[in-house]
Amino acid sequence: MGELASTVAHEVRNPLNAIGMAARRLSREFTTPSSAPPDPADAAELNDLLGVVESETRRIDAIVRQFLE
């Protein structure tokens, strides 16, 4: 059972890590003043959406850690 849990956690964490890294990169590249969308409302929406992606990936990672414990 422990081996199964470890395998499932590994398979969930790999794509989760990629999603989190992509969201952080998008945030860095597209929310800085020089590269932000011209419309401030679009920039704010992009920042909010990327924040949701990042926070939800952290939440799922916490769930996986609890599962393993």
C-alpha atoms as a PDB file:
ATOM      1  CA  MET A   1       0.000   0.000   0.000  1.00  0.00           C
ATOM      2  CA  GLY A   2       2.889   2.341   0.803  1.00  0.00           C
ATOM      3  CA  GLU A   3       4.454   1.695  -2.593  1.00  0.00           C
ATOM      4  CA  LEU A   4       1.164   2.482  -4.315  1.00  0.00           C
ATOM      5  CA  ALA A   5       0.819   5.723  -2.339  1.00  0.00           C
ATOM      6  CA  SER A   6       4.361   6.707  -3.226  1.00  0.00           C
ATOM      7  CA  THR A   7       3.795   6.005  -6.927  1.00  0.00           C
ATOM      8  CA  VAL A   8       0.541   7.975  -7.006  1.00  0.00           C
ATOM      9  CA  ALA A   9       2.152  10.895  -5.184  1.00  0.00           C
ATOM     10  CA  HIS A  10       5.060  10.896  -7.626  1.00  0.00           C
ATOM     11  CA  GLU A  11       2.753  10.815 -10.644  1.00  0.00           C
ATOM     12  CA  VAL A  12       0.673  13.705  -9.270  1.00  0.00           C
ATOM     13  CA  ARG A  13       3.614  15.831  -8.190  1.00  0.00           C
ATOM     14  CA  ASN A  14       5.496  15.757 -11.506  1.00  0.00           C
ATOM     15  CA  PRO A  15       2.818  17.521 -13.582  1.00  0.00           C
ATOM     16  CA  LEU A  16       1.876  19.655 -10.600  1.00  0.00           C
ATOM     17  CA  ASN A  17       5.446  20.910 -10.357  1.00  0.00           C
ATOM     18  CA  ALA A  18       5.476  21.710 -14.080  1.00  0.00           C
ATOM     19  CA  ILE A  19       2.200  23.647 -13.767  1.00  0.00           C
ATOM     20  CA  GLY A  20       3.509  25.633 -10.804  1.00  0.00           C
ATOM     21  CA  MET A  21       6.773  26.480 -12.559  1.00  0.00           C
ATOM     22  CA  ALA A  22       4.923  27.562 -15.707  1.00  0.00           C
ATOM     23  CA  ALA A  23       2.617  29.825 -13.697  1.00  0.00           C
ATOM     24  CA  ARG A  24       5.575  31.427 -11.910  1.00  0.00           C
ATOM     25  CA  ARG A  25       7.352  32.010 -15.227  1.00  0.00           C
ATOM     26  CA  LEU A  26       4.257  33.532 -16.812  1.00  0.00           C
ATOM     27  CA  SER A  27       3.854  35.750 -13.783  1.00  0.00           C
ATOM     28  CA  ARG A  28       7.464  36.944 -13.993  1.00  0.00           C
ATOM     29  CA  GLU A  29       7.360  37.508 -17.739  1.00  0.00           C
ATOM     30  CA  PHE A  30       3.931  39.049 -18.191  1.00  0.00           C
ATOM     31  CA  THR A  31       3.179  41.001 -15.037  1.00  0.00           C
ATOM     32  CA  THR A  32       6.267  43.228 -14.936  1.00  0.00           C
ATOM     33  CA  PRO A  33       5.626  46.843 -15.968  1.00  0.00           C
ATOM     34  CA  SER A  34       7.601  46.496 -19.211  1.00  0.00           C
ATOM     35  CA  SER A  35       5.756  43.381 -20.404  1.00  0.00           C
ATOM     36  CA  ALA A  36       2.326  43.719 -18.794  1.00  0.00           C
ATOM     37  CA  PRO A  37      -0.731  43.886 -21.059  1.00  0.00           C
ATOM     38  CA  PRO A  38      -1.500  47.480 -22.134  1.00  0.00           C
ATOM     39  CA  ASP A  39      -4.865  47.470 -20.373  1.00  0.00           C
ATOM     40  CA  PRO A  40      -4.382  47.607 -16.575  1.00  0.00           C
ATOM     41  CA  ALA A  41      -7.577  45.574 -16.100  1.00  0.00           C
ATOM     42  CA  ASP A  42      -6.109  42.780 -18.249  1.00  0.00           C
ATOM     43  CA  ALA A  43      -2.868  42.880 -16.271  1.00  0.00           C
ATOM     44  CA  ALA A  44      -4.785  42.653 -13.000  1.00  0.00           C
ATOM     45  CA  GLU A  45      -6.886  39.755 -14.284  1.00  0.00           C
ATOM     46  CA  LEU A  46      -3.781  37.913 -15.500  1.00  0.00           C
ATOM     47  CA  ASN A  47      -2.123  38.416 -12.126  1.00  0.00           C
ATOM     48  CA  ASP A  48      -5.228  37.159 -10.307  1.00  0.00           C
ATOM     49  CA  LEU A  49      -5.557  34.070 -12.494  1.00  0.00           C
ATOM     50  CA  LEU A  50      -1.890  33.159 -12.165  1.00  0.00           C
ATOM     51  CA  GLY A  51      -2.206  33.613  -8.409  1.00  0.00           C
ATOM     52  CA  VAL A  52      -5.082  31.121  -8.386  1.00  0.00           C
ATOM     53  CA  VAL A  53      -3.048  28.592 -10.371  1.00  0.00           C
ATOM     54  CA  GLU A  54      -0.087  28.957  -8.021  1.00  0.00           C
ATOM     55  CA  SER A  55      -2.139  28.754  -4.822  1.00  0.00           C
ATOM     56  CA  GLU A  56      -4.107  25.738  -6.036  1.00  0.00           C
ATOM     57  CA  THR A  57      -0.936  23.876  -7.001  1.00  0.00           C
ATOM     58  CA  ARG A  58       0.388  24.507  -3.480  1.00  0.00           C
ATOM     59  CA  ARG A  59      -2.921  23.257  -2.042  1.00  0.00           C
ATOM     60  CA  ILE A  60      -2.806  20.036  -4.072  1.00  0.00           C
ATOM     61  CA  ASP A  61       0.825  19.506  -3.088  1.00  0.00           C
ATOM     62  CA  ALA A  62      -0.168  19.838   0.577  1.00  0.00           C
ATOM     63  CA  ILE A  63      -2.910  17.252   0.057  1.00  0.00           C
ATOM     64  CA  VAL A  64      -0.384  14.862  -1.513  1.00  0.00           C
ATOM     65  CA  ARG A  65       1.981  15.380   1.434  1.00  0.00           C
ATOM     66  CA  GLN A  66      -0.848  14.616   3.891  1.00  0.00           C
ATOM     67  CA  PHE A  67      -1.741  11.523   1.872  1.00  0.00           C
ATOM     68  CA  LEU A  68       1.818  10.249   2.173  1.00  0.00           C
ATOM     69  CA  GLU A  69       1.908  10.856   5.926  1.00  0.00           C
END
